[in-house]
Protein backbone atom coordinates (compact mmCIF):
# COMPACT_ATOMS: atom_id res chain seq x y z
CA MET A 1 11.16 3.67 -15.19
CA ALA A 2 11.46 4.49 -18.87
CA PRO A 3 7.97 3.98 -20.24
CA SER A 4 6.78 4.38 -23.79
CA GLU A 5 3.22 4.42 -25.07
CA ILE A 6 1.49 1.32 -26.40
CA HIS A 7 -0.79 1.68 -29.37
CA ASP A 8 -2.52 -1.56 -30.38
CA ASP A 9 -5.78 -3.43 -30.10
CA LYS A 10 -4.89 -5.88 -27.34
CA THR A 11 -7.46 -6.46 -24.63
CA THR A 12 -6.84 -5.91 -20.93
CA ASN A 13 -6.70 -9.70 -20.47
CA ASN A 14 -3.86 -9.88 -22.99
CA PHE A 15 -1.96 -7.17 -21.15
CA ASP A 16 -2.57 -8.82 -17.78
CA ALA A 17 -1.12 -12.08 -19.09
CA GLU A 18 1.94 -10.20 -20.37
CA ILE A 19 2.41 -8.50 -17.00
CA LEU A 20 2.49 -11.84 -15.17
CA ALA A 21 4.73 -13.43 -17.81
CA SER A 22 7.14 -10.50 -17.53
CA TRP A 23 7.47 -10.93 -13.77
CA HIS A 24 8.09 -14.65 -14.16
CA ARG A 25 10.78 -14.03 -16.75
CA ASN A 26 12.35 -11.04 -15.02
CA ALA A 27 12.41 -12.39 -11.47
CA ARG A 28 16.06 -13.49 -11.53
CA ASN A 29 17.11 -10.29 -13.28
CA TRP A 30 15.27 -8.30 -10.63
CA LEU A 31 17.01 -10.12 -7.79
CA GLU A 32 20.41 -9.63 -9.42
CA ALA A 33 19.69 -5.93 -10.02
CA ARG A 34 18.74 -5.47 -6.37
CA GLN A 35 21.90 -7.24 -5.23
CA ALA A 36 24.00 -5.10 -7.57
CA ASN A 37 22.15 -1.97 -6.43
CA SER A 38 21.42 -1.11 -10.07
CA ILE A 39 17.69 -0.40 -9.86
CA PRO A 40 17.15 3.22 -10.98
CA GLY A 41 15.75 5.44 -8.24
CA ARG A 42 16.26 2.77 -5.55
CA HIS A 43 17.61 5.37 -3.11
CA SER A 44 15.71 8.36 -4.42
CA GLY A 45 13.33 8.50 -1.48
CA LYS A 46 10.54 6.17 -2.57
CA ASP A 47 11.51 3.42 -0.12
CA THR A 48 11.92 5.87 2.73
CA ALA A 49 8.57 7.48 1.98
CA ILE A 50 6.55 4.28 2.18
CA LEU A 51 8.41 3.04 5.27
CA ASN A 52 7.72 6.36 7.00
CA ALA A 53 4.06 6.18 6.02
CA ILE A 54 3.77 2.69 7.48
CA ALA A 55 5.62 3.69 10.66
CA ALA A 56 3.27 6.64 11.17
CA HIS A 57 0.36 4.20 11.54
CA ARG A 58 2.18 1.57 13.62
CA PRO A 59 0.28 -1.47 12.28
CA ALA A 60 0.38 -4.65 14.36
CA THR A 61 -0.41 -6.74 11.26
CA LEU A 62 0.57 -5.96 7.68
CA LEU A 63 -0.11 -7.61 4.31
CA ASP A 64 2.11 -6.76 1.33
CA ILE A 65 0.45 -7.74 -1.97
CA GLY A 66 3.13 -7.91 -4.63
CA CYS A 67 5.90 -8.19 -2.06
CA GLY A 68 8.70 -9.21 -4.46
CA ASP A 69 11.67 -10.50 -2.46
CA GLY A 70 10.17 -9.24 0.80
CA TRP A 71 12.51 -6.29 1.43
CA LEU A 72 9.69 -4.07 2.69
CA LEU A 73 8.45 -6.60 5.23
CA ARG A 74 11.93 -7.22 6.58
CA ALA A 75 12.45 -3.48 6.98
CA VAL A 76 9.11 -3.07 8.78
CA ARG A 77 9.87 -5.88 11.23
CA ASP A 78 13.35 -4.53 11.86
CA THR A 79 11.86 -1.31 13.23
CA GLY A 80 8.93 -2.63 15.24
CA ASP A 81 6.77 -5.49 16.45
CA CYS A 82 4.59 -6.33 13.46
CA VAL A 83 3.20 -9.59 12.09
CA THR A 84 3.77 -9.49 8.33
CA VAL A 85 2.60 -11.54 5.36
CA GLY A 86 3.95 -11.22 1.81
CA LEU A 87 2.22 -12.44 -1.35
CA ASP A 88 3.58 -12.40 -4.89
CA GLY A 89 2.80 -14.08 -8.19
CA ALA A 90 6.43 -14.85 -9.06
CA PRO A 91 7.67 -18.08 -7.41
CA ALA A 92 11.35 -17.09 -7.76
CA LEU A 93 10.76 -13.89 -5.80
CA ILE A 94 8.93 -15.73 -3.02
CA GLU A 95 11.72 -18.33 -2.92
CA SER A 96 14.22 -15.50 -2.44
CA ALA A 97 12.08 -13.89 0.27
CA LYS A 98 11.91 -17.15 2.21
CA SER A 99 15.64 -17.77 1.92
CA GLN A 100 16.45 -14.27 3.21
CA ASP A 101 13.82 -14.38 5.93
CA PRO A 102 13.13 -17.97 7.07
CA GLN A 103 10.99 -16.73 9.95
CA GLY A 104 8.79 -14.64 7.68
CA CYS A 105 5.50 -15.61 6.07
CA TYR A 106 5.59 -15.55 2.26
CA GLN A 107 3.52 -17.38 -0.32
CA VAL A 108 2.93 -17.42 -4.05
CA ALA A 109 -0.48 -15.99 -4.83
CA ASP A 110 -2.15 -15.11 -8.12
CA TYR A 111 -4.08 -11.84 -8.09
CA ARG A 112 -6.94 -13.62 -9.89
CA ASP A 113 -7.27 -16.05 -6.98
CA LEU A 114 -7.30 -13.21 -4.45
CA CYS A 115 -10.03 -11.48 -6.44
CA ASP A 116 -12.03 -14.72 -6.31
CA GLY A 117 -11.64 -14.87 -2.53
CA ILE A 118 -9.02 -17.62 -2.53
CA TRP A 119 -6.41 -16.57 0.05
CA PRO A 120 -3.28 -18.51 1.05
CA GLU A 121 -3.39 -20.54 4.23
CA CYS A 122 -0.14 -18.96 5.42
CA CYS A 123 -1.92 -15.81 6.58
CA PRO A 124 -1.66 -15.79 10.39
CA SER A 125 -4.36 -13.14 10.58
CA LYS A 126 -7.64 -12.92 8.71
CA GLU A 127 -7.58 -9.15 8.98
CA PHE A 128 -4.73 -6.66 8.73
CA ASP A 129 -4.13 -3.17 10.05
CA ALA A 130 -2.41 -2.28 6.77
CA VAL A 131 -2.50 -3.67 3.24
CA ILE A 132 0.32 -2.45 1.00
CA PHE A 133 0.58 -2.15 -2.78
CA ASN A 134 4.09 -0.84 -3.41
CA PHE A 135 4.39 -0.42 -7.18
CA SER A 136 2.30 -3.56 -7.67
CA LEU A 137 -0.90 -2.32 -9.35
CA PHE A 138 -0.25 -2.46 -13.07
CA THR A 139 -3.54 -3.44 -14.71
CA GLN A 140 -6.23 -1.16 -16.09
CA ASP A 141 -9.07 -2.30 -13.84
CA ILE A 142 -7.72 -2.31 -10.31
CA ARG A 143 -11.13 -2.42 -8.66
CA PRO A 144 -11.31 -6.23 -8.20
CA ILE A 145 -7.99 -6.45 -6.33
CA LEU A 146 -8.77 -3.32 -4.30
CA SER A 147 -12.12 -4.83 -3.35
CA ALA A 148 -10.37 -8.06 -2.34
CA ALA A 149 -7.86 -6.12 -0.23
CA LYS A 150 -10.69 -4.24 1.48
CA THR A 151 -12.12 -7.53 2.75
CA ARG A 152 -8.85 -8.13 4.63
CA LEU A 153 -8.81 -4.81 6.48
CA ALA A 154 -9.24 -4.78 10.23
CA GLN A 155 -11.47 -2.08 11.64
CA GLY A 156 -9.65 1.21 11.23
CA GLY A 157 -7.14 -0.38 8.83
CA ILE A 158 -5.49 1.36 5.91
CA ILE A 159 -4.64 0.54 2.33
CA LEU A 160 -1.40 2.21 1.27
CA ILE A 161 -0.53 2.46 -2.42
CA GLN A 162 2.68 3.75 -3.98
CA SER A 163 2.59 4.21 -7.72
CA LEU A 164 2.81 6.69 -10.58
CA THR A 165 0.36 8.99 -12.30
CA VAL A 166 0.35 10.71 -15.67
CA GLU A 167 2.39 13.55 -14.16
CA HIS A 168 5.34 11.18 -13.73
CA LEU A 169 5.53 10.31 -17.43
CA PRO A 170 8.03 11.83 -19.86
CA ALA A 171 6.76 14.96 -21.59
CA ARG A 172 6.13 13.09 -24.84
CA SER A 173 3.79 10.66 -23.06
CA LYS A 174 2.04 13.14 -20.77
CA THR A 175 0.21 14.69 -23.70
CA ALA A 176 -1.48 11.38 -24.48
CA GLY A 177 -2.85 11.17 -20.95
CA GLU A 178 -4.05 8.00 -19.27
CA GLY A 179 -3.31 4.70 -20.97
CA TRP A 180 -1.07 1.67 -21.38
CA GLN A 181 2.68 2.19 -21.20
CA LEU A 182 5.58 -0.18 -21.81
CA GLU A 183 8.39 -0.55 -19.28
CA THR A 184 11.56 -1.69 -21.06
CA PHE A 185 13.78 -1.77 -17.93
CA ASN A 186 16.49 0.27 -19.61
CA GLY A 187 19.07 1.20 -17.00
CA PHE A 188 18.35 -1.79 -14.77
CA GLY A 189 21.72 -3.38 -15.46
CA ASP A 190 22.59 -6.39 -17.56
CA GLY A 191 20.13 -9.11 -18.34
CA ASN A 192 17.62 -10.09 -20.97
CA TRP A 193 14.65 -8.18 -19.57
CA ALA A 194 11.16 -8.88 -20.85
CA PRO A 195 9.23 -5.61 -21.42
CA MET A 196 6.20 -5.15 -19.19
CA PRO A 197 2.98 -3.31 -20.04
CA TRP A 198 1.44 -1.25 -17.27
CA TYR A 199 -1.52 1.09 -17.11
CA CYS A 200 -0.82 4.68 -16.12
CA ARG A 201 -3.82 6.48 -14.67
CA SER A 202 -4.61 10.02 -13.65
CA MET A 203 -5.01 11.05 -10.03
CA SER A 204 -8.77 11.34 -10.50
CA SER A 205 -8.81 7.79 -11.89
CA TRP A 206 -7.07 6.47 -8.76
CA ILE A 207 -9.61 8.23 -6.54
CA SER A 208 -12.56 6.99 -8.60
CA ALA A 209 -11.36 3.37 -8.53
CA LEU A 210 -11.09 3.52 -4.75
CA GLN A 211 -14.54 5.06 -4.38
CA ASP A 212 -16.10 2.42 -6.64
CA VAL A 213 -15.18 -0.31 -4.11
CA GLY A 214 -16.10 1.58 -0.94
CA LEU A 215 -12.70 3.10 -0.17
CA GLN A 216 -11.78 6.73 0.15
CA ALA A 217 -8.41 8.39 -0.34
CA ARG A 218 -7.71 10.22 2.91
CA GLN A 219 -4.16 11.34 2.31
CA ILE A 220 -2.19 11.90 -0.87
CA ILE A 221 1.56 12.34 -0.60
CA ARG A 222 3.68 13.46 -3.51
CA VAL A 223 7.13 11.94 -3.18
CA GLY A 224 10.12 13.85 -4.50
CA ARG A 225 11.09 17.51 -4.59
CA PRO A 226 11.41 19.31 -6.91
CA ASP A 227 10.95 16.50 -9.43
CA PRO A 228 8.00 14.19 -8.71
CA LEU A 229 9.01 10.56 -8.17
CA SER A 230 5.78 8.86 -7.16
CA ILE A 231 2.58 9.27 -5.19
CA LEU A 232 1.47 7.62 -1.97
CA ILE A 233 -2.26 7.18 -1.45
CA LEU A 234 -3.60 6.29 1.99
CA ALA A 235 -7.14 4.96 1.79
CA LYS A 236 -9.68 3.75 4.31
CA SER A 237 -12.98 1.97 4.16
CA ILE A 238 -15.84 4.45 3.88
CA GLU A 239 -17.59 2.56 6.68
CA ASP A 240 -14.60 3.17 8.96
CA ILE A 241 -14.51 6.86 8.09
CA SER A 242 -18.09 7.25 9.29
CA LEU A 243 -17.15 5.53 12.56
CA PHE A 244 -13.79 7.27 13.12
CA PRO A 245 -13.95 10.58 11.22
CA ARG A 246 -11.13 12.24 13.17
CA ALA A 247 -8.65 9.37 13.09
CA VAL A 248 -7.70 9.91 9.46
CA ALA A 249 -6.79 13.60 9.37
CA PRO A 250 -3.34 14.05 7.81
CA GLN A 251 -2.10 16.18 10.69
CA ASP A 252 -2.70 13.28 13.07
CA ASN A 253 -0.15 11.14 11.22
CA PRO A 254 2.54 13.38 9.76
CA ILE A 255 4.84 11.83 7.17
CA SER A 256 8.48 12.81 7.40
CA GLY A 257 11.43 12.20 5.13
CA ASP A 258 11.53 12.64 1.36
CA ALA A 259 7.78 12.92 0.99
CA GLU A 260 5.72 16.03 0.63
CA ASN A 261 2.19 16.00 2.06
CA SER A 262 -0.11 17.36 -0.63
CA GLY A 263 -2.47 18.63 2.02
CA SER A 264 -5.29 16.59 0.56
CA ASN A 265 -7.90 15.39 3.05
CA LEU A 266 -10.44 14.05 0.66
């Protein structure tokens, strides 16, 4: 990603509308970039890290919110017996997911509907052992969608987030700290890409947002050595932690590959 800072007086609602519009406009470009293998960092270790994190917990049911063309779900099912559901707000991406995986379960879903408790009928399970947000939380207030995801967790289930923090920004942007950034998609190959705003938060902001909706970060994994590429946050319902306090210790579920366990057991 090649973000730059945004300085204007737009409201969060304006930015959220631009995020959705960008995904609608960029969907075909995104699919072509994936096919051409021109997405920067695609093989840097981020994909391996989240797949390893999922495999360590061996979920029987998995929900991917912001699934794109469904690559993650196909990879999960290729390595184990798991019922998967993918949701995304871009119809072209869901169309591609269905064409590549006719046996899979994919449906267009607006985050606003999910936050209002309106879930697609395609879900074969009302509760999931894992809910995934893989680079799909871009807005400033992520608490409503996190709260919605929490309602879909089976007992003992996990929410797994891969994203960026302020530490992943270029030096010129780090000094400004938390705030809105603009992804221009430079380096993503040819195509008329629509810039996308996204909110970059600090690590403490991620933890606070989770706590506000009754979730707790139990494991934080910094992906990439020596240069940081992303973070993985494994969260559980606070109610589950009180019931199963030992089941969430990082040493019980080691993550291998291109990820570095931060040692955090929050």
